[in-house]
């Protein structure tokens, strides 16, 4: 796969629709050509303590952030015609579907690929298949794990190597 968009969401709480940040990495002809990152006002708009501990974002970080439809209006033209890739597709695709539902937006049935599932099949020798472990096995050192753009960049690197 040489043309795709790697995507990663962070959530504020246990609701998949509570996306509070998104990172997108656009790959064309096997090269990263564009990136996008934004904070998002989550829906529902509350933060679980443990989620804040994982990604470092809390309510004051997103109080002035745009709502999802405004952010997606910027992402949509970037990913037009591209398949989406995520590390643990069920989570990220679930977030995307949930937030589309909350805002009553028509979901376009994106083609979604999963670097986690693929890495389990192609790299069974790894101790685990967490994003940072698989990225390292593919020659990429993930820094700032759980920052949506950093995680999307790691996913893009993995996808270029194994998809």
C-alpha atoms as a PDB file:
ATOM      1  CA  UNK A   1       0.000   0.000   0.000  1.00  0.00           C
ATOM      2  CA  UNK A   2       1.525   3.302  -1.055  1.00  0.00           C
ATOM      3  CA  UNK A   3      -1.378   5.766  -0.792  1.00  0.00           C
ATOM      4  CA  UNK A   4      -3.328   6.038   2.465  1.00  0.00           C
ATOM      5  CA  UNK A   5      -4.139   8.166   5.487  1.00  0.00           C
ATOM      6  CA  UNK A   6      -3.057   6.991   8.935  1.00  0.00           C
ATOM      7  CA  UNK A   7      -5.394   8.223  11.648  1.00  0.00           C
ATOM      8  CA  UNK A   8      -5.388   8.200  15.437  1.00  0.00           C
ATOM      9  CA  UNK A   9      -7.879   9.479  18.004  1.00  0.00           C
ATOM     10  CA  UNK A  10      -7.559  10.150  21.706  1.00  0.00           C
ATOM     11  CA  UNK A  11     -10.735  10.144  23.805  1.00  0.00           C
ATOM     12  CA  UNK A  12     -11.738  12.033  26.934  1.00  0.00           C
ATOM     13  CA  UNK A  13     -13.701   9.213  28.547  1.00  0.00           C
ATOM     14  CA  UNK A  14     -15.128   5.762  27.893  1.00  0.00           C
ATOM     15  CA  UNK A  15     -17.522   6.990  25.184  1.00  0.00           C
ATOM     16  CA  UNK A  16     -16.085   6.407  21.736  1.00  0.00           C
ATOM     17  CA  UNK A  17     -17.656   9.668  20.600  1.00  0.00           C
ATOM     18  CA  UNK A  18     -15.587  11.641  23.125  1.00  0.00           C
ATOM     19  CA  UNK A  19     -12.706  12.267  20.722  1.00  0.00           C
ATOM     20  CA  UNK A  20     -10.561  15.066  22.123  1.00  0.00           C
ATOM     21  CA  UNK A  21      -7.736  15.021  19.570  1.00  0.00           C
ATOM     22  CA  UNK A  22      -7.002  13.618  16.147  1.00  0.00           C
ATOM     23  CA  UNK A  23      -3.844  13.084  14.153  1.00  0.00           C
ATOM     24  CA  UNK A  24      -3.767  12.302  10.450  1.00  0.00           C
ATOM     25  CA  UNK A  25      -0.762  11.476   8.268  1.00  0.00           C
ATOM     26  CA  UNK A  26      -1.192  11.482   4.488  1.00  0.00           C
ATOM     27  CA  UNK A  27       1.032   9.072   2.530  1.00  0.00           C
ATOM     28  CA  UNK A  28       1.244   9.171  -1.257  1.00  0.00           C
ATOM     29  CA  UNK A  29       3.594   7.020  -3.312  1.00  0.00           C
ATOM     30  CA  UNK A  30       4.999   5.716  -0.036  1.00  0.00           C
ATOM     31  CA  UNK A  31       6.039   9.175   1.210  1.00  0.00           C
ATOM     32  CA  UNK A  32       4.518  11.302   3.949  1.00  0.00           C
ATOM     33  CA  UNK A  33       3.209  14.377   2.150  1.00  0.00           C
ATOM     34  CA  UNK A  34       1.008  16.037   4.762  1.00  0.00           C
ATOM     35  CA  UNK A  35      -0.007  15.894   8.420  1.00  0.00           C
ATOM     36  CA  UNK A  36      -2.902  17.277  10.397  1.00  0.00           C
ATOM     37  CA  UNK A  37      -3.478  17.603  14.135  1.00  0.00           C
ATOM     38  CA  UNK A  38      -6.266  19.196  16.109  1.00  0.00           C
ATOM     39  CA  UNK A  39      -7.722  19.264  19.555  1.00  0.00           C
ATOM     40  CA  UNK A  40     -11.472  18.635  19.578  1.00  0.00           C
ATOM     41  CA  UNK A  41     -14.148  19.530  22.096  1.00  0.00           C
ATOM     42  CA  UNK A  42     -15.328  16.054  23.142  1.00  0.00           C
ATOM     43  CA  UNK A  43     -18.928  14.883  23.154  1.00  0.00           C
ATOM     44  CA  UNK A  44     -19.873  14.162  25.882  1.00  0.00           C
ATOM     45  CA  UNK A  45     -17.678  16.903  27.228  1.00  0.00           C
ATOM     46  CA  UNK A  46     -16.147  15.480  30.382  1.00  0.00           C
ATOM     47  CA  UNK A  47     -12.779  13.921  31.120  1.00  0.00           C
ATOM     48  CA  UNK A  48     -12.109  10.737  33.014  1.00  0.00           C
ATOM     49  CA  UNK A  49      -9.089  11.052  35.301  1.00  0.00           C
ATOM     50  CA  UNK A  50      -7.396   7.946  33.893  1.00  0.00           C
ATOM     51  CA  UNK A  51      -7.749   9.109  30.311  1.00  0.00           C
ATOM     52  CA  UNK A  52      -6.078  12.408  31.246  1.00  0.00           C
ATOM     53  CA  UNK A  53      -3.232  10.408  32.779  1.00  0.00           C
ATOM     54  CA  UNK A  54      -2.729   8.457  29.558  1.00  0.00           C
ATOM     55  CA  UNK A  55      -2.644  11.288  27.000  1.00  0.00           C
ATOM     56  CA  UNK A  56      -2.181  14.361  29.166  1.00  0.00           C
ATOM     57  CA  UNK A  57      -5.217  16.228  27.853  1.00  0.00           C
ATOM     58  CA  UNK A  58      -7.838  17.626  30.198  1.00  0.00           C
ATOM     59  CA  UNK A  59     -10.920  19.811  29.877  1.00  0.00           C
ATOM     60  CA  UNK A  60      -9.034  23.111  29.978  1.00  0.00           C
ATOM     61  CA  UNK A  61      -7.044  21.957  26.944  1.00  0.00           C
ATOM     62  CA  UNK A  62     -10.157  21.613  24.790  1.00  0.00           C
ATOM     63  CA  UNK A  63     -12.500  24.264  26.228  1.00  0.00           C
ATOM     64  CA  UNK A  64     -11.817  26.513  23.232  1.00  0.00           C
ATOM     65  CA  UNK A  65     -11.265  23.713  20.712  1.00  0.00           C
ATOM     66  CA  UNK A  66     -13.551  23.294  17.702  1.00  0.00           C
ATOM     67  CA  UNK A  67     -16.285  20.660  17.641  1.00  0.00           C
ATOM     68  CA  UNK A  68     -15.809  17.529  15.543  1.00  0.00           C
ATOM     69  CA  UNK A  69     -17.781  18.595  12.409  1.00  0.00           C
ATOM     70  CA  UNK A  70     -15.562  21.680  12.062  1.00  0.00           C
ATOM     71  CA  UNK A  71     -12.392  19.587  12.418  1.00  0.00           C
ATOM     72  CA  UNK A  72     -13.632  16.912  10.030  1.00  0.00           C
ATOM     73  CA  UNK A  73     -14.384  19.570   7.398  1.00  0.00           C
ATOM     74  CA  UNK A  74     -10.608  20.203   7.315  1.00  0.00           C
ATOM     75  CA  UNK A  75      -9.657  16.514   7.302  1.00  0.00           C
ATOM     76  CA  UNK A  76     -12.138  15.314   4.685  1.00  0.00           C
ATOM     77  CA  UNK A  77     -10.442  16.932   1.665  1.00  0.00           C
ATOM     78  CA  UNK A  78      -7.035  15.632   2.809  1.00  0.00           C
ATOM     79  CA  UNK A  79      -8.196  12.006   2.903  1.00  0.00           C
ATOM     80  CA  UNK A  80     -10.471  12.096  -0.137  1.00  0.00           C
ATOM     81  CA  UNK A  81     -10.169   8.810  -2.020  1.00  0.00           C
ATOM     82  CA  UNK A  82      -7.657   7.311   0.410  1.00  0.00           C
ATOM     83  CA  UNK A  83      -8.088   4.226   2.572  1.00  0.00           C
ATOM     84  CA  UNK A  84      -7.645   4.826   6.307  1.00  0.00           C
ATOM     85  CA  UNK A  85      -5.142   2.952   8.436  1.00  0.00           C
ATOM     86  CA  UNK A  86      -5.059   2.686  12.239  1.00  0.00           C
ATOM     87  CA  UNK A  87      -3.221   0.632  14.816  1.00  0.00           C
ATOM     88  CA  UNK A  88      -6.177  -1.152  16.408  1.00  0.00           C
ATOM     89  CA  UNK A  89      -8.723  -0.294  13.740  1.00  0.00           C
ATOM     90  CA  UNK A  90     -11.759  -1.297  15.834  1.00  0.00           C
ATOM     91  CA  UNK A  91     -10.998   1.493  18.298  1.00  0.00           C
ATOM     92  CA  UNK A  92     -10.327   4.307  15.812  1.00  0.00           C
ATOM     93  CA  UNK A  93     -13.014   3.274  13.360  1.00  0.00           C
ATOM     94  CA  UNK A  94     -15.398   2.918  16.313  1.00  0.00           C
ATOM     95  CA  UNK A  95     -14.559   6.462  17.425  1.00  0.00           C
ATOM     96  CA  UNK A  96     -15.108   7.811  13.933  1.00  0.00           C
ATOM     97  CA  UNK A  97     -18.447   6.045  13.516  1.00  0.00           C
ATOM     98  CA  UNK A  98     -19.605   7.103  16.997  1.00  0.00           C
ATOM     99  CA  UNK A  99     -18.798  10.765  16.554  1.00  0.00           C
ATOM    100  CA  UNK A 100     -20.416  10.790  13.111  1.00  0.00           C
ATOM    101  CA  UNK A 101     -23.541   9.346  14.780  1.00  0.00           C
ATOM    102  CA  UNK A 102     -23.529  11.910  17.601  1.00  0.00           C
ATOM    103  CA  UNK A 103     -23.413  14.787  15.126  1.00  0.00           C
ATOM    104  CA  UNK A 104     -25.865  13.099  12.720  1.00  0.00           C
ATOM    105  CA  UNK A 105     -23.355  13.145   9.890  1.00  0.00           C
ATOM    106  CA  UNK A 106     -23.553  10.631   7.040  1.00  0.00           C
ATOM    107  CA  UNK A 107     -20.732   8.121   7.445  1.00  0.00           C
ATOM    108  CA  UNK A 108     -19.022   7.510   4.077  1.00  0.00           C
ATOM    109  CA  UNK A 109     -17.990   3.863   4.754  1.00  0.00           C
ATOM    110  CA  UNK A 110     -14.256   4.398   4.618  1.00  0.00           C
ATOM    111  CA  UNK A 111     -11.988   1.477   3.752  1.00  0.00           C
ATOM    112  CA  UNK A 112     -10.093   0.859   7.008  1.00  0.00           C
ATOM    113  CA  UNK A 113      -6.939  -1.226   7.468  1.00  0.00           C
ATOM    114  CA  UNK A 114      -5.416  -2.379  10.746  1.00  0.00           C
ATOM    115  CA  UNK A 115      -1.670  -2.411  11.399  1.00  0.00           C
ATOM    116  CA  UNK A 116      -2.239  -4.177  14.743  1.00  0.00           C
ATOM    117  CA  UNK A 117      -3.957  -7.201  13.208  1.00  0.00           C
ATOM    118  CA  UNK A 118      -1.459  -7.294  10.354  1.00  0.00           C
ATOM    119  CA  UNK A 119       1.520  -7.074  12.728  1.00  0.00           C
ATOM    120  CA  UNK A 120       0.171  -9.981  14.786  1.00  0.00           C
ATOM    121  CA  UNK A 121       0.038 -12.065  11.617  1.00  0.00           C
ATOM    122  CA  UNK A 122       3.341 -10.955  10.042  1.00  0.00           C
ATOM    123  CA  UNK A 123       5.454 -10.361  13.165  1.00  0.00           C
ATOM    124  CA  UNK A 124       4.416 -13.152  15.551  1.00  0.00           C
ATOM    125  CA  UNK A 125       7.857 -13.199  17.209  1.00  0.00           C
ATOM    126  CA  UNK A 126       7.375  -9.807  18.916  1.00  0.00           C
ATOM    127  CA  UNK A 127       6.902  -9.777  22.698  1.00  0.00           C
ATOM    128  CA  UNK A 128       3.725  -7.735  22.178  1.00  0.00           C
ATOM    129  CA  UNK A 129       2.079  -5.816  19.367  1.00  0.00           C
ATOM    130  CA  UNK A 130       1.648  -2.452  21.033  1.00  0.00           C
ATOM    131  CA  UNK A 131       2.184   0.533  18.758  1.00  0.00           C
ATOM    132  CA  UNK A 132       5.621   1.433  20.111  1.00  0.00           C
ATOM    133  CA  UNK A 133       6.837  -2.178  19.916  1.00  0.00           C
ATOM    134  CA  UNK A 134       5.715  -2.710  16.333  1.00  0.00           C
ATOM    135  CA  UNK A 135       7.028   0.714  15.304  1.00  0.00           C
ATOM    136  CA  UNK A 136      10.450  -0.140  16.748  1.00  0.00           C
ATOM    137  CA  UNK A 137      10.452  -3.479  14.910  1.00  0.00           C
ATOM    138  CA  UNK A 138       9.795  -1.519  11.708  1.00  0.00           C
ATOM    139  CA  UNK A 139      12.677   0.888  12.405  1.00  0.00           C
ATOM    140  CA  UNK A 140      10.720   3.794  13.894  1.00  0.00           C
ATOM    141  CA  UNK A 141      11.234   5.162  17.414  1.00  0.00           C
ATOM    142  CA  UNK A 142       7.903   6.452  18.720  1.00  0.00           C
ATOM    143  CA  UNK A 143       8.292   9.471  20.943  1.00  0.00           C
ATOM    144  CA  UNK A 144       5.366  11.189  22.669  1.00  0.00           C
ATOM    145  CA  UNK A 145       3.163   8.064  22.657  1.00  0.00           C
ATOM    146  CA  UNK A 146      -0.565   8.860  23.043  1.00  0.00           C
ATOM    147  CA  UNK A 147      -0.227  12.155  21.208  1.00  0.00           C
ATOM    148  CA  UNK A 148      -2.595  11.604  18.284  1.00  0.00           C
ATOM    149  CA  UNK A 149      -0.229  12.914  15.610  1.00  0.00           C
ATOM    150  CA  UNK A 150       2.800  11.040  16.977  1.00  0.00           C
ATOM    151  CA  UNK A 151       0.776   7.818  17.045  1.00  0.00           C
ATOM    152  CA  UNK A 152      -0.553   8.430  13.505  1.00  0.00           C
ATOM    153  CA  UNK A 153       3.035   8.958  12.298  1.00  0.00           C
ATOM    154  CA  UNK A 154       4.112   5.669  13.896  1.00  0.00           C
ATOM    155  CA  UNK A 155       1.136   3.926  12.305  1.00  0.00           C
ATOM    156  CA  UNK A 156       2.008   5.387   8.898  1.00  0.00           C
ATOM    157  CA  UNK A 157       5.568   4.128   9.245  1.00  0.00           C
ATOM    158  CA  UNK A 158       4.346   0.649  10.172  1.00  0.00           C
ATOM    159  CA  UNK A 159       1.827   0.614   7.324  1.00  0.00           C
ATOM    160  CA  UNK A 160       4.520   1.508   4.779  1.00  0.00           C
ATOM    161  CA  UNK A 161       6.565  -1.451   6.041  1.00  0.00           C
ATOM    162  CA  UNK A 162       3.960  -4.197   6.430  1.00  0.00           C
ATOM    163  CA  UNK A 163       0.807  -3.401   4.437  1.00  0.00           C
END
